[in-house]
PDB file of N, CA and C in Angstrom:
ATOM      1  N   MET A   1     -28.834-136.693 -47.740  1.00  0.00           N
ATOM      2  CA  MET A   1     -28.163-136.746 -48.781  1.00  0.00           C
ATOM      3  C   MET A   1     -29.412-136.919 -49.975  1.00  0.00           C
ATOM      4  N   LEU A   2     -30.510-137.560 -49.738  1.00  0.00           N
ATOM      5  CA  LEU A   2     -32.002-137.675 -51.016  1.00  0.00           C
ATOM      6  C   LEU A   2     -32.475-136.173 -50.222  1.00  0.00           C
ATOM      7  N   ILE A   3     -32.439-135.832 -49.292  1.00  0.00           N
ATOM      8  CA  ILE A   3     -33.155-134.169 -49.442  1.00  0.00           C
ATOM      9  C   ILE A   3     -32.462-133.480 -50.008  1.00  0.00           C
ATOM     10  N   LEU A   4     -31.146-133.440 -49.889  1.00  0.00           N
ATOM     11  CA  LEU A   4     -30.029-132.032 -50.569  1.00  0.00           C
ATOM     12  C   LEU A   4     -30.451-132.467 -52.241  1.00  0.00           C
ATOM     13  N   SER A   5     -30.287-133.908 -52.631  1.00  0.00           N
ATOM     14  CA  SER A   5     -30.616-133.942 -54.075  1.00  0.00           C
ATOM     15  C   SER A   5     -32.353-133.589 -54.806  1.00  0.00           C
ATOM     16  N   ASN A   6     -33.152-133.729 -53.917  1.00  0.00           N
ATOM     17  CA  ASN A   6     -34.632-133.256 -54.037  1.00  0.00           C
ATOM     18  C   ASN A   6     -34.544-131.664 -53.701  1.00  0.00           C
ATOM     19  N   ILE A   7     -33.786-131.059 -53.381  1.00  0.00           N
ATOM     20  CA  ILE A   7     -34.122-129.376 -53.088  1.00  0.00           C
ATOM     21  C   ILE A   7     -33.353-129.008 -54.301  1.00  0.00           C
ATOM     22  N   VAL A   8     -32.197-129.659 -54.601  1.00  0.00           N
ATOM     23  CA  VAL A   8     -31.691-129.013 -55.651  1.00  0.00           C
ATOM     24  C   VAL A   8     -32.336-129.260 -57.555  1.00  0.00           C
ATOM     25  N   ILE A   9     -33.014-130.280 -57.096  1.00  0.00           N
ATOM     26  CA  ILE A   9     -33.905-130.940 -58.565  1.00  0.00           C
ATOM     27  C   ILE A   9     -35.131-129.936 -58.174  1.00  0.00           C
ATOM     28  N   GLY A  10     -35.506-129.819 -57.249  1.00  0.00           N
ATOM     29  CA  GLY A  10     -36.759-128.864 -57.272  1.00  0.00           C
ATOM     30  C   GLY A  10     -36.235-127.223 -57.814  1.00  0.00           C
ATOM     31  N   LEU A  11     -34.947-126.974 -57.350  1.00  0.00           N
ATOM     32  CA  LEU A  11     -34.996-125.732 -57.602  1.00  0.00           C
ATOM     33  C   LEU A  11     -34.709-125.340 -59.129  1.00  0.00           C
ATOM     34  N   VAL A  12     -34.112-126.857 -59.829  1.00  0.00           N
ATOM     35  CA  VAL A  12     -34.001-126.703 -61.154  1.00  0.00           C
ATOM     36  C   VAL A  12     -35.188-126.930 -61.788  1.00  0.00           C
ATOM     37  N   ALA A  13     -36.351-127.310 -61.393  1.00  0.00           N
ATOM     38  CA  ALA A  13     -37.630-127.668 -61.651  1.00  0.00           C
ATOM     39  C   ALA A  13     -37.974-126.245 -61.528  1.00  0.00           C
ATOM     40  N   LEU A  14     -38.056-125.337 -60.534  1.00  0.00           N
ATOM     41  CA  LEU A  14     -38.717-124.109 -60.578  1.00  0.00           C
ATOM     42  C   LEU A  14     -38.028-123.084 -61.664  1.00  0.00           C
ATOM     43  N   LEU A  15     -36.840-123.541 -61.911  1.00  0.00           N
ATOM     44  CA  LEU A  15     -35.893-122.964 -62.974  1.00  0.00           C
ATOM     45  C   LEU A  15     -36.901-122.952 -64.561  1.00  0.00           C
ATOM     46  N   HIS A  16     -37.186-124.174 -64.522  1.00  0.00           N
ATOM     47  CA  HIS A  16     -37.708-124.257 -66.068  1.00  0.00           C
ATOM     48  C   HIS A  16     -39.266-123.795 -66.174  1.00  0.00           C
ATOM     49  N   LEU A  17     -39.812-123.986 -64.461  1.00  0.00           N
ATOM     50  CA  LEU A  17     -41.002-123.503 -64.376  1.00  0.00           C
ATOM     51  C   LEU A  17     -40.824-121.738 -64.951  1.00  0.00           C
ATOM     52  N   TYR A  18     -40.083-120.913 -64.587  1.00  0.00           N
ATOM     53  CA  TYR A  18     -39.712-119.802 -64.685  1.00  0.00           C
ATOM     54  C   TYR A  18     -39.501-119.221 -66.121  1.00  0.00           C
ATOM     55  N   PHE A  19     -38.848-120.422 -66.808  1.00  0.00           N
ATOM     56  CA  PHE A  19     -38.392-120.213 -68.227  1.00  0.00           C
ATOM     57  C   PHE A  19     -40.128-120.415 -69.097  1.00  0.00           C
ATOM     58  N   LEU A  20     -40.625-121.080 -68.526  1.00  0.00           N
ATOM     59  CA  LEU A  20     -42.366-121.645 -68.931  1.00  0.00           C
ATOM     60  C   LEU A  20     -42.741-119.958 -69.106  1.00  0.00           C
ATOM     61  N   VAL A  21     -42.814-119.081 -68.021  1.00  0.00           N
ATOM     62  CA  VAL A  21     -43.436-118.041 -67.800  1.00  0.00           C
ATOM     63  C   VAL A  21     -42.904-116.962 -68.663  1.00  0.00           C
ATOM     64  N   LEU A  22     -41.803-117.088 -68.749  1.00  0.00           N
ATOM     65  CA  LEU A  22     -41.310-115.771 -69.838  1.00  0.00           C
ATOM     66  C   LEU A  22     -41.273-116.187 -71.186  1.00  0.00           C
ATOM     67  N   GLU A  23     -41.349-117.627 -71.279  1.00  0.00           N
ATOM     68  CA  GLU A  23     -41.393-117.987 -73.179  1.00  0.00           C
ATOM     69  C   GLU A  23     -43.024-117.733 -73.611  1.00  0.00           C
ATOM     70  N   MET A  24     -43.957-118.284 -72.421  1.00  0.00           N
ATOM     71  CA  MET A  24     -44.877-118.212 -72.914  1.00  0.00           C
ATOM     72  C   MET A  24     -46.061-117.193 -72.911  1.00  0.00           C
ATOM     73  N   PHE A  25     -45.280-116.418 -71.596  1.00  0.00           N
ATOM     74  CA  PHE A  25     -46.505-115.015 -71.506  1.00  0.00           C
ATOM     75  C   PHE A  25     -46.119-114.177 -71.153  1.00  0.00           C
ATOM     76  N   LEU A  26     -44.773-113.675 -70.800  1.00  0.00           N
ATOM     77  CA  LEU A  26     -44.053-112.687 -70.898  1.00  0.00           C
ATOM     78  C   LEU A  26     -43.077-112.104 -71.980  1.00  0.00           C
ATOM     79  N   TRP A  27     -42.892-112.861 -72.945  1.00  0.00           N
ATOM     80  CA  TRP A  27     -41.840-112.717 -74.259  1.00  0.00           C
ATOM     81  C   TRP A  27     -42.045-111.571 -74.511  1.00  0.00           C
ATOM     82  N   GLU A  28     -43.160-111.018 -74.880  1.00  0.00           N
ATOM     83  CA  GLU A  28     -43.076-109.320 -75.322  1.00  0.00           C
ATOM     84  C   GLU A  28     -43.491-108.505 -74.449  1.00  0.00           C
ATOM     85  N   LYS A  29     -43.434-108.756 -73.024  1.00  0.00           N
ATOM     86  CA  LYS A  29     -43.636-108.034 -72.172  1.00  0.00           C
ATOM     87  C   LYS A  29     -42.131-107.569 -71.612  1.00  0.00           C
ATOM     88  N   PRO A  30     -41.741-106.196 -71.124  1.00  0.00           N
ATOM     89  CA  PRO A  30     -40.413-105.777 -70.677  1.00  0.00           C
ATOM     90  C   PRO A  30     -39.487-107.016 -69.992  1.00  0.00           C
ATOM     91  N   ALA A  31     -40.271-107.845 -69.051  1.00  0.00           N
ATOM     92  CA  ALA A  31     -39.440-108.729 -68.367  1.00  0.00           C
ATOM     93  C   ALA A  31     -38.890-109.842 -69.422  1.00  0.00           C
ATOM     94  N   GLY A  32     -39.581-110.109 -70.483  1.00  0.00           N
ATOM     95  CA  GLY A  32     -39.401-111.297 -71.533  1.00  0.00           C
ATOM     96  C   GLY A  32     -38.107-110.417 -72.361  1.00  0.00           C
ATOM     97  N   LEU A  33     -38.595-109.302 -72.647  1.00  0.00           N
ATOM     98  CA  LEU A  33     -37.680-108.793 -73.788  1.00  0.00           C
ATOM     99  C   LEU A  33     -36.302-108.237 -73.429  1.00  0.00           C
ATOM    100  N   ARG A  34     -36.265-107.971 -71.742  1.00  0.00           N
ATOM    101  CA  ARG A  34     -34.854-107.536 -71.030  1.00  0.00           C
ATOM    102  C   ARG A  34     -33.822-109.004 -71.106  1.00  0.00           C
ATOM    103  N   ALA A  35     -35.011-110.404 -70.026  1.00  0.00           N
ATOM    104  CA  ALA A  35     -34.478-111.910 -70.230  1.00  0.00           C
ATOM    105  C   ALA A  35     -33.477-111.884 -71.942  1.00  0.00           C
ATOM    106  N   PHE A  36     -33.874-112.187 -72.564  1.00  0.00           N
ATOM    107  CA  PHE A  36     -33.994-112.407 -73.862  1.00  0.00           C
ATOM    108  C   PHE A  36     -33.182-111.252 -74.921  1.00  0.00           C
ATOM    109  N   ARG A  37     -33.086-110.589 -74.417  1.00  0.00           N
ATOM    110  CA  ARG A  37     -32.474-109.316 -75.185  1.00  0.00           C
ATOM    111  C   ARG A  37     -33.191-108.717 -76.569  1.00  0.00           C
ATOM    112  N   LEU A  38     -34.415-108.529 -76.369  1.00  0.00           N
ATOM    113  CA  LEU A  38     -35.415-108.823 -77.615  1.00  0.00           C
ATOM    114  C   LEU A  38     -35.577-107.559 -77.930  1.00  0.00           C
ATOM    115  N   THR A  39     -35.780-107.188 -79.315  1.00  0.00           N
ATOM    116  CA  THR A  39     -36.682-106.026 -79.571  1.00  0.00           C
ATOM    117  C   THR A  39     -38.210-106.237 -79.632  1.00  0.00           C
ATOM    118  N   LYS A  40     -38.636-105.402 -79.729  1.00  0.00           N
ATOM    119  CA  LYS A  40     -40.588-105.554 -79.894  1.00  0.00           C
ATOM    120  C   LYS A  40     -40.965-106.479 -80.952  1.00  0.00           C
ATOM    121  N   GLU A  41     -40.060-106.457 -82.157  1.00  0.00           N
ATOM    122  CA  GLU A  41     -40.013-106.598 -83.279  1.00  0.00           C
ATOM    123  C   GLU A  41     -40.266-107.947 -83.341  1.00  0.00           C
ATOM    124  N   LYS A  42     -38.623-108.324 -83.045  1.00  0.00           N
ATOM    125  CA  LYS A  42     -38.084-109.456 -82.683  1.00  0.00           C
ATOM    126  C   LYS A  42     -39.142-110.710 -81.974  1.00  0.00           C
ATOM    127  N   ALA A  43     -39.661-109.867 -81.056  1.00  0.00           N
ATOM    128  CA  ALA A  43     -40.443-110.592 -80.257  1.00  0.00           C
ATOM    129  C   ALA A  43     -41.569-111.067 -80.989  1.00  0.00           C
ATOM    130  N   ALA A  44     -42.070-110.213 -81.224  1.00  0.00           N
ATOM    131  CA  ALA A  44     -43.503-110.535 -82.216  1.00  0.00           C
ATOM    132  C   ALA A  44     -42.967-111.584 -82.907  1.00  0.00           C
ATOM    133  N   ASP A  45     -41.961-111.335 -83.863  1.00  0.00           N
ATOM    134  CA  ASP A  45     -42.232-112.410 -84.719  1.00  0.00           C
ATOM    135  C   ASP A  45     -41.550-113.636 -84.665  1.00  0.00           C
ATOM    136  N   THR A  46     -40.877-113.681 -83.069  1.00  0.00           N
ATOM    137  CA  THR A  46     -40.789-115.304 -82.685  1.00  0.00           C
ATOM    138  C   THR A  46     -41.890-115.707 -81.523  1.00  0.00           C
ATOM    139  N   LYS A  47     -42.616-114.995 -81.359  1.00  0.00           N
ATOM    140  CA  LYS A  47     -43.391-115.427 -80.490  1.00  0.00           C
ATOM    141  C   LYS A  47     -44.449-116.984 -80.005  1.00  0.00           C
ATOM    142  N   VAL A  48     -44.370-117.190 -81.368  1.00  0.00           N
ATOM    143  CA  VAL A  48     -44.930-118.683 -81.126  1.00  0.00           C
ATOM    144  C   VAL A  48     -43.914-119.450 -81.042  1.00  0.00           C
ATOM    145  N   LEU A  49     -42.839-119.447 -81.587  1.00  0.00           N
ATOM    146  CA  LEU A  49     -41.314-120.192 -81.293  1.00  0.00           C
ATOM    147  C   LEU A  49     -41.215-120.362 -79.809  1.00  0.00           C
ATOM    148  N   ALA A  50     -41.263-118.866 -79.413  1.00  0.00           N
ATOM    149  CA  ALA A  50     -40.942-118.825 -78.124  1.00  0.00           C
ATOM    150  C   ALA A  50     -42.115-119.648 -77.276  1.00  0.00           C
ATOM    151  N   ALA A  51     -43.348-119.623 -77.136  1.00  0.00           N
ATOM    152  CA  ALA A  51     -44.291-120.679 -76.703  1.00  0.00           C
ATOM    153  C   ALA A  51     -43.982-122.055 -76.677  1.00  0.00           C
ATOM    154  N   ASN A  52     -43.699-122.184 -78.112  1.00  0.00           N
ATOM    155  CA  ASN A  52     -43.446-124.007 -77.838  1.00  0.00           C
ATOM    156  C   ASN A  52     -42.146-124.076 -77.337  1.00  0.00           C
ATOM    157  N   GLN A  53     -41.267-123.701 -77.153  1.00  0.00           N
ATOM    158  CA  GLN A  53     -40.497-123.503 -75.819  1.00  0.00           C
ATOM    159  C   GLN A  53     -40.498-123.536 -74.838  1.00  0.00           C
ATOM    160  N   GLY A  54     -41.388-123.010 -74.083  1.00  0.00           N
ATOM    161  CA  GLY A  54     -41.765-122.579 -72.709  1.00  0.00           C
ATOM    162  C   GLY A  54     -42.624-123.748 -72.884  1.00  0.00           C
ATOM    163  N   LEU A  55     -43.120-124.739 -73.525  1.00  0.00           N
ATOM    164  CA  LEU A  55     -44.353-125.375 -73.201  1.00  0.00           C
ATOM    165  C   LEU A  55     -43.466-126.702 -72.881  1.00  0.00           C
ATOM    166  N   TYR A  56     -42.215-126.905 -74.170  1.00  0.00           N
ATOM    167  CA  TYR A  56     -40.706-128.130 -73.564  1.00  0.00           C
ATOM    168  C   TYR A  56     -40.169-128.088 -72.081  1.00  0.00           C
ATOM    169  N   ASN A  57     -40.118-126.493 -71.646  1.00  0.00           N
ATOM    170  CA  ASN A  57     -39.388-126.510 -70.369  1.00  0.00           C
ATOM    171  C   ASN A  57     -40.559-126.382 -69.352  1.00  0.00           C
ATOM    172  N   GLY A  58     -41.872-126.466 -69.320  1.00  0.00           N
ATOM    173  CA  GLY A  58     -42.702-126.672 -68.493  1.00  0.00           C
ATOM    174  C   GLY A  58     -42.909-128.777 -68.519  1.00  0.00           C
ATOM    175  N   PHE A  59     -42.293-129.334 -69.756  1.00  0.00           N
ATOM    176  CA  PHE A  59     -42.608-130.620 -69.490  1.00  0.00           C
ATOM    177  C   PHE A  59     -41.468-131.135 -68.529  1.00  0.00           C
ATOM    178  N   LEU A  60     -40.273-130.611 -68.917  1.00  0.00           N
ATOM    179  CA  LEU A  60     -39.262-130.548 -67.982  1.00  0.00           C
ATOM    180  C   LEU A  60     -39.272-130.848 -66.384  1.00  0.00           C
ATOM    181  N   ALA A  61     -39.897-129.393 -66.227  1.00  0.00           N
ATOM    182  CA  ALA A  61     -40.261-128.979 -64.847  1.00  0.00           C
ATOM    183  C   ALA A  61     -40.943-130.334 -64.383  1.00  0.00           C
ATOM    184  N   ALA A  62     -42.413-130.696 -65.185  1.00  0.00           N
ATOM    185  CA  ALA A  62     -43.197-131.384 -64.996  1.00  0.00           C
ATOM    186  C   ALA A  62     -42.358-132.982 -64.420  1.00  0.00           C
ATOM    187  N   GLY A  63     -41.419-133.154 -65.215  1.00  0.00           N
ATOM    188  CA  GLY A  63     -40.504-134.574 -65.182  1.00  0.00           C
ATOM    189  C   GLY A  63     -40.144-134.523 -63.882  1.00  0.00           C
ATOM    190  N   LEU A  64     -39.252-133.502 -63.664  1.00  0.00           N
ATOM    191  CA  LEU A  64     -38.306-133.265 -62.329  1.00  0.00           C
ATOM    192  C   LEU A  64     -39.604-133.290 -60.848  1.00  0.00           C
ATOM    193  N   ILE A  65     -40.389-133.351 -61.208  1.00  0.00           N
ATOM    194  CA  ILE A  65     -41.134-133.079 -60.140  1.00  0.00           C
ATOM    195  C   ILE A  65     -41.865-134.467 -59.949  1.00  0.00           C
ATOM    196  N   TRP A  66     -41.970-135.050 -60.846  1.00  0.00           N
ATOM    197  CA  TRP A  66     -42.467-136.378 -61.122  1.00  0.00           C
ATOM    198  C   TRP A  66     -41.701-137.492 -60.179  1.00  0.00           C
ATOM    199  N   GLY A  67     -40.055-137.327 -60.811  1.00  0.00           N
ATOM    200  CA  GLY A  67     -38.960-137.583 -60.273  1.00  0.00           C
ATOM    201  C   GLY A  67     -39.408-137.629 -58.566  1.00  0.00           C
ATOM    202  N   ILE A  68     -39.462-136.515 -58.503  1.00  0.00           N
ATOM    203  CA  ILE A  68     -39.167-135.936 -56.903  1.00  0.00           C
ATOM    204  C   ILE A  68     -40.485-136.743 -55.786  1.00  0.00           C
ATOM    205  N   VAL A  69     -41.748-136.763 -56.530  1.00  0.00           N
ATOM    206  CA  VAL A  69     -42.753-137.436 -55.722  1.00  0.00           C
ATOM    207  C   VAL A  69     -42.746-139.080 -56.091  1.00  0.00           C
ATOM    208  N   LEU A  70     -41.862-139.178 -57.031  1.00  0.00           N
ATOM    209  CA  LEU A  70     -41.589-140.727 -56.931  1.00  0.00           C
ATOM    210  C   LEU A  70     -40.660-141.297 -55.427  1.00  0.00           C
ATOM    211  N   GLY A  71     -40.239-140.592 -55.138  1.00  0.00           N
ATOM    212  CA  GLY A  71     -39.019-140.563 -53.844  1.00  0.00           C
ATOM    213  C   GLY A  71     -37.799-141.871 -54.507  1.00  0.00           C
ATOM    214  N   THR A  72     -37.038-142.937 -53.679  1.00  0.00           N
ATOM    215  CA  THR A  72     -36.349-143.767 -54.130  1.00  0.00           C
ATOM    216  C   THR A  72     -36.815-143.771 -55.075  1.00  0.00           C
ATOM    217  N   ASN A  73     -38.173-144.789 -55.646  1.00  0.00           N
ATOM    218  CA  ASN A  73     -38.477-145.346 -57.070  1.00  0.00           C
ATOM    219  C   ASN A  73     -38.094-144.006 -58.341  1.00  0.00           C
ATOM    220  N   GLY A  74     -37.992-142.645 -57.970  1.00  0.00           N
ATOM    221  CA  GLY A  74     -37.967-141.857 -58.967  1.00  0.00           C
ATOM    222  C   GLY A  74     -36.704-141.671 -59.921  1.00  0.00           C
ATOM    223  N   THR A  75     -35.866-142.524 -59.018  1.00  0.00           N
ATOM    224  CA  THR A  75     -34.129-142.295 -59.484  1.00  0.00           C
ATOM    225  C   THR A  75     -33.687-141.990 -61.132  1.00  0.00           C
ATOM    226  N   ASP A  76     -34.539-142.985 -61.751  1.00  0.00           N
ATOM    227  CA  ASP A  76     -34.328-142.971 -63.208  1.00  0.00           C
ATOM    228  C   ASP A  76     -35.005-142.161 -63.597  1.00  0.00           C
ATOM    229  N   VAL A  77     -36.427-141.455 -63.543  1.00  0.00           N
ATOM    230  CA  VAL A  77     -36.789-140.706 -64.063  1.00  0.00           C
ATOM    231  C   VAL A  77     -36.178-139.350 -63.571  1.00  0.00           C
ATOM    232  N   LYS A  78     -35.543-138.894 -62.343  1.00  0.00           N
ATOM    233  CA  LYS A  78     -34.845-137.643 -62.154  1.00  0.00           C
ATOM    234  C   LYS A  78     -33.599-137.806 -63.045  1.00  0.00           C
ATOM    235  N   ILE A  79     -32.593-139.077 -63.469  1.00  0.00           N
ATOM    236  CA  ILE A  79     -31.370-138.995 -63.954  1.00  0.00           C
ATOM    237  C   ILE A  79     -31.953-138.560 -65.456  1.00  0.00           C
ATOM    238  N   PHE A  80     -32.943-139.040 -66.298  1.00  0.00           N
ATOM    239  CA  PHE A  80     -33.425-138.818 -67.486  1.00  0.00           C
ATOM    240  C   PHE A  80     -33.913-137.611 -67.784  1.00  0.00           C
ATOM    241  N   PHE A  81     -34.451-136.378 -66.764  1.00  0.00           N
ATOM    242  CA  PHE A  81     -34.862-135.475 -67.068  1.00  0.00           C
ATOM    243  C   PHE A  81     -33.858-134.573 -66.835  1.00  0.00           C
ATOM    244  N   LEU A  82     -33.301-135.053 -65.583  1.00  0.00           N
ATOM    245  CA  LEU A  82     -31.969-133.777 -65.290  1.00  0.00           C
ATOM    246  C   LEU A  82     -30.645-134.238 -66.490  1.00  0.00           C
ATOM    247  N   SER A  83     -30.758-135.462 -66.942  1.00  0.00           N
ATOM    248  CA  SER A  83     -29.682-135.218 -68.432  1.00  0.00           C
ATOM    249  C   SER A  83     -30.502-134.399 -69.355  1.00  0.00           C
ATOM    250  N   CYS A  84     -31.581-134.591 -69.575  1.00  0.00           N
ATOM    251  CA  CYS A  84     -32.726-133.929 -70.981  1.00  0.00           C
ATOM    252  C   CYS A  84     -31.932-132.430 -70.874  1.00  0.00           C
ATOM    253  N   VAL A  85     -31.951-131.672 -69.526  1.00  0.00           N
ATOM    254  CA  VAL A  85     -31.969-130.214 -69.062  1.00  0.00           C
ATOM    255  C   VAL A  85     -30.671-130.088 -69.440  1.00  0.00           C
ATOM    256  N   LEU A  86     -29.625-131.171 -69.200  1.00  0.00           N
ATOM    257  CA  LEU A  86     -28.309-130.797 -69.340  1.00  0.00           C
ATOM    258  C   LEU A  86     -28.157-130.696 -70.861  1.00  0.00           C
ATOM    259  N   VAL A  87     -28.200-131.730 -71.366  1.00  0.00           N
ATOM    260  CA  VAL A  87     -28.060-131.562 -72.780  1.00  0.00           C
ATOM    261  C   VAL A  87     -28.599-130.410 -73.675  1.00  0.00           C
ATOM    262  N   ALA A  88     -29.750-129.754 -73.272  1.00  0.00           N
ATOM    263  CA  ALA A  88     -30.455-128.817 -73.324  1.00  0.00           C
ATOM    264  C   ALA A  88     -29.598-127.914 -73.202  1.00  0.00           C
ATOM    265  N   GLY A  89     -28.781-127.537 -72.181  1.00  0.00           N
ATOM    266  CA  GLY A  89     -28.469-126.227 -71.563  1.00  0.00           C
ATOM    267  C   GLY A  89     -26.663-126.353 -72.570  1.00  0.00           C
ATOM    268  N   LEU A  90     -26.492-127.221 -72.637  1.00  0.00           N
ATOM    269  CA  LEU A  90     -25.072-127.529 -73.304  1.00  0.00           C
ATOM    270  C   LEU A  90     -25.172-127.105 -74.401  1.00  0.00           C
ATOM    271  N   TYR A  91     -26.103-127.600 -75.346  1.00  0.00           N
ATOM    272  CA  TYR A  91     -26.866-127.087 -76.924  1.00  0.00           C
ATOM    273  C   TYR A  91     -26.618-125.835 -76.869  1.00  0.00           C
ATOM    274  N   GLY A  92     -27.650-125.077 -76.066  1.00  0.00           N
ATOM    275  CA  GLY A  92     -27.931-123.772 -75.527  1.00  0.00           C
ATOM    276  C   GLY A  92     -26.531-122.731 -75.510  1.00  0.00           C
ATOM    277  N   GLY A  93     -25.806-123.305 -74.583  1.00  0.00           N
ATOM    278  CA  GLY A  93     -24.353-122.602 -74.331  1.00  0.00           C
ATOM    279  C   GLY A  93     -23.517-122.467 -75.379  1.00  0.00           C
ATOM    280  N   VAL A  94     -23.731-123.471 -76.258  1.00  0.00           N
ATOM    281  CA  VAL A  94     -22.740-123.578 -77.568  1.00  0.00           C
ATOM    282  C   VAL A  94     -23.338-122.693 -78.690  1.00  0.00           C
ATOM    283  N   THR A  95     -24.752-123.163 -79.270  1.00  0.00           N
ATOM    284  CA  THR A  95     -25.629-122.159 -79.934  1.00  0.00           C
ATOM    285  C   THR A  95     -25.972-120.883 -79.800  1.00  0.00           C
ATOM    286  N   VAL A  96     -26.513-120.718 -78.622  1.00  0.00           N
ATOM    287  CA  VAL A  96     -26.679-119.217 -78.149  1.00  0.00           C
ATOM    288  C   VAL A  96     -26.091-118.732 -77.309  1.00  0.00           C
ATOM    289  N   GLY A  97     -25.532-118.746 -76.530  1.00  0.00           N
ATOM    290  CA  GLY A  97     -24.269-118.408 -75.464  1.00  0.00           C
ATOM    291  C   GLY A  97     -24.197-118.567 -74.350  1.00  0.00           C
ATOM    292  N   ARG A  98     -22.927-118.163 -73.724  1.00  0.00           N
ATOM    293  CA  ARG A  98     -22.352-118.935 -72.406  1.00  0.00           C
ATOM    294  C   ARG A  98     -23.485-119.134 -71.408  1.00  0.00           C
ATOM    295  N   LYS A  99     -23.725-117.620 -71.380  1.00  0.00           N
ATOM    296  CA  LYS A  99     -24.806-117.614 -69.897  1.00  0.00           C
ATOM    297  C   LYS A  99     -25.431-118.632 -69.711  1.00  0.00           C
ATOM    298  N   ILE A 100     -26.231-119.196 -70.660  1.00  0.00           N
ATOM    299  CA  ILE A 100     -26.708-120.460 -70.321  1.00  0.00           C
ATOM    300  C   ILE A 100     -26.252-121.877 -69.633  1.00  0.00           C
ATOM    301  N   LEU A 101     -24.766-121.873 -70.233  1.00  0.00           N
ATOM    302  CA  LEU A 101     -24.187-122.834 -69.683  1.00  0.00           C
ATOM    303  C   LEU A 101     -24.297-122.856 -67.590  1.00  0.00           C
ATOM    304  N   VAL A 102     -24.066-121.609 -67.356  1.00  0.00           N
ATOM    305  CA  VAL A 102     -24.102-121.408 -65.892  1.00  0.00           C
ATOM    306  C   VAL A 102     -25.572-121.216 -65.397  1.00  0.00           C
ATOM    307  N   ILE A 103     -26.603-121.090 -66.073  1.00  0.00           N
ATOM    308  CA  ILE A 103     -27.744-121.031 -65.597  1.00  0.00           C
ATOM    309  C   ILE A 103     -28.838-122.132 -65.906  1.00  0.00           C
ATOM    310  N   GLN A 104     -28.428-122.805 -67.064  1.00  0.00           N
ATOM    311  CA  GLN A 104     -29.150-124.350 -66.886  1.00  0.00           C
ATOM    312  C   GLN A 104     -28.536-125.173 -66.993  1.00  0.00           C
ATOM    313  N   ALA A 105     -27.291-125.362 -67.829  1.00  0.00           N
ATOM    314  CA  ALA A 105     -26.469-126.437 -67.441  1.00  0.00           C
ATOM    315  C   ALA A 105     -25.695-126.744 -66.376  1.00  0.00           C
ATOM    316  N   LEU A 106     -25.369-125.912 -65.581  1.00  0.00           N
ATOM    317  CA  LEU A 106     -24.288-126.292 -64.473  1.00  0.00           C
ATOM    318  C   LEU A 106     -25.045-126.536 -63.104  1.00  0.00           C
ATOM    319  N   PRO A 107     -26.982-126.029 -62.781  1.00  0.00           N
ATOM    320  CA  PRO A 107     -27.485-126.749 -61.730  1.00  0.00           C
ATOM    321  C   PRO A 107     -27.767-128.340 -62.147  1.00  0.00           C
ATOM    322  N   ALA A 108     -28.261-128.474 -63.350  1.00  0.00           N
ATOM    323  CA  ALA A 108     -28.498-129.639 -64.044  1.00  0.00           C
ATOM    324  C   ALA A 108     -27.280-130.434 -63.686  1.00  0.00           C
ATOM    325  N   LEU A 109     -26.698-130.580 -63.756  1.00  0.00           N
ATOM    326  CA  LEU A 109     -25.364-131.211 -63.588  1.00  0.00           C
ATOM    327  C   LEU A 109     -25.001-131.435 -62.072  1.00  0.00           C
ATOM    328  N   ILE A 110     -25.192-130.432 -61.110  1.00  0.00           N
ATOM    329  CA  ILE A 110     -25.310-130.197 -59.578  1.00  0.00           C
ATOM    330  C   ILE A 110     -25.781-131.598 -59.712  1.00  0.00           C
ATOM    331  N   ALA A 111     -27.413-131.262 -59.749  1.00  0.00           N
ATOM    332  CA  ALA A 111     -28.244-132.043 -59.556  1.00  0.00           C
ATOM    333  C   ALA A 111     -28.314-133.612 -59.972  1.00  0.00           C
ATOM    334  N   LEU A 112     -27.837-133.727 -61.003  1.00  0.00           N
ATOM    335  CA  LEU A 112     -27.437-135.141 -61.622  1.00  0.00           C
ATOM    336  C   LEU A 112     -26.220-135.569 -60.523  1.00  0.00           C
ATOM    337  N   VAL A 113     -25.203-134.786 -60.535  1.00  0.00           N
ATOM    338  CA  VAL A 113     -24.340-135.766 -59.825  1.00  0.00           C
ATOM    339  C   VAL A 113     -24.518-135.991 -57.953  1.00  0.00           C
ATOM    340  N   LEU A 114     -25.506-134.968 -57.592  1.00  0.00           N
ATOM    341  CA  LEU A 114     -26.159-135.602 -56.084  1.00  0.00           C
ATOM    342  C   LEU A 114     -27.156-136.707 -56.578  1.00  0.00           C
ATOM    343  N   VAL A 115     -27.730-136.791 -57.283  1.00  0.00           N
ATOM    344  CA  VAL A 115     -28.600-138.045 -57.514  1.00  0.00           C
ATOM    345  C   VAL A 115     -27.900-139.301 -57.622  1.00  0.00           C
ATOM    346  N   PHE A 116     -26.691-139.333 -58.333  1.00  0.00           N
ATOM    347  CA  PHE A 116     -26.146-140.471 -58.242  1.00  0.00           C
ATOM    348  C   PHE A 116     -25.141-140.989 -56.842  1.00  0.00           C
ATOM    349  N   PHE A 117     -25.053-140.042 -55.957  1.00  0.00           N
ATOM    350  CA  PHE A 117     -24.505-139.704 -54.535  1.00  0.00           C
ATOM    351  C   PHE A 117     -25.853-140.303 -53.499  1.00  0.00           C
ATOM    352  N   VAL A 118     -26.784-140.736 -54.254  1.00  0.00           N
ATOM    353  CA  VAL A 118     -28.103-140.822 -52.834  1.00  0.00           C
ATOM    354  C   VAL A 118     -28.461-142.430 -53.040  1.00  0.00           C
TER     355      VAL A 118
END
């Protein structure tokens, strides 16, 4: 079960690294514009905010990877960072769009449940 848990946590971390890339480097590019349904003008106006948001997603990914690297000693770290991802996903799902519940909150919830079964 530890292996399955770490695989799912790793996928959540990769997802947040992808968010980092989208928000920090691709925000004004076609991939970023499509992903966030932005106009070029809106993307230009929000570029700095998006980069800051991307940085936070990177911190979440780093924390999840740290928890995996710690092995069985990383349970508390995994729980903390998965909880952060879950809360952010729930908040985004309520304030931005329901799609975030599926993309961000649900994978974090699944990983969190798996951590508790290890």
